[in-house]
Amino acid sequence: MSHMIIGHRLCPYVQRVVIVMLETGISFDRTDIDLDNKPGWLGDISPGWQVPVLEAEPGKWLFESTVIVRYLDQLSGGVLLPTDPLARAQQEAWMAFADGMLSLVARIIYCDQTASAAFASMSELAERLDLITRRFCPDDYFNGGTFGLADIVFATLFRYFPVLDQVCARKVGPTLSEDLRTWWARVQNRPSVMGAVPYTYEAELSQFIATKQSHAGCVLGQLN
C-alpha cells in the first residue's frame, strides 16, 4: 500500500515524515499545497489546518508530525528509536528540545521586526546549539552508531542556518562546534535527507522568507 502525505515543499515537519518514509522504504505519494491558499478539504483531514497529514489507510488520516513519525517507525519495526525505555525517552526529550529551537526559527522568520530582535533570537539559537554540544555531543549519530529520529529532527533545523545567517550579524553556522559540523556533514548527505526537499531548497526558502513582514523578510527581500 502506498501512503499519501499532504505537505508543503519547505515545511520542516513535513520533511521529517518524508525522511522517515525514505529511510524505512515505506512507499508514498506526496501532494504539496500552498499554505497561504489552503484548499477547503484540508480542514476535513487536519483539524488545525496544518501539514503534514498522512493517509495511513484509505480514508483514515493522521495529523501532527510527531504522531506520524512514531506511527511510521512502529510500522517499519521500530528502527529509528532505541528499544531501551530510558534511551528512547532521552532521544524524545532532545527531539522536543529541537522543536523548541524550530519555534525560535519561526520567530526570526515571522515575528522579529528589528535587527536587534533578530540578533537576540539568533544568539539564543547559538546558545542552545552550544548546550547540545556540551550535553549531547553526537557520536556518528545522536544514538551512537545508528541514524535515528533525533538526527532527522535536528537535520530539519540545521537546514535553515545558511539562509538565516544572511539576515543578521549574529551567525550560527560558523560557530558550530567541530563535532556538530562533522555530524551535519554526514547527515545532510544521506539520500533520505537530501530527498526530503527540492534541490532548490535554499533559494526557495530565501524567497519564501522575503515575503514576510519581518526583519529577515526585509533583508532577504533586498537580496532576492
Foldseek 3Di string as FASTA:
>chain_A
DAKEWEEAQQDLLLLLLQLLCVVLVHHYDYHYDDLVDQDPCCCVQDVVSHDTWMDPDVVHIDHDSVVNSVVSCVVSPNQFADPPPVRRVVLVVLLVVLVVLVVLVVCQLAPAADQVSLLVSLVVSLVVLVVCCVPQQEALHSSHPGHHSSLSSVLSVVVCQVLSQQQHPRHRVVSHDPSVVNNNVNSCPDPSNVVSHDPCNSVVVLVVSLVHNHSSVVRSVVVD
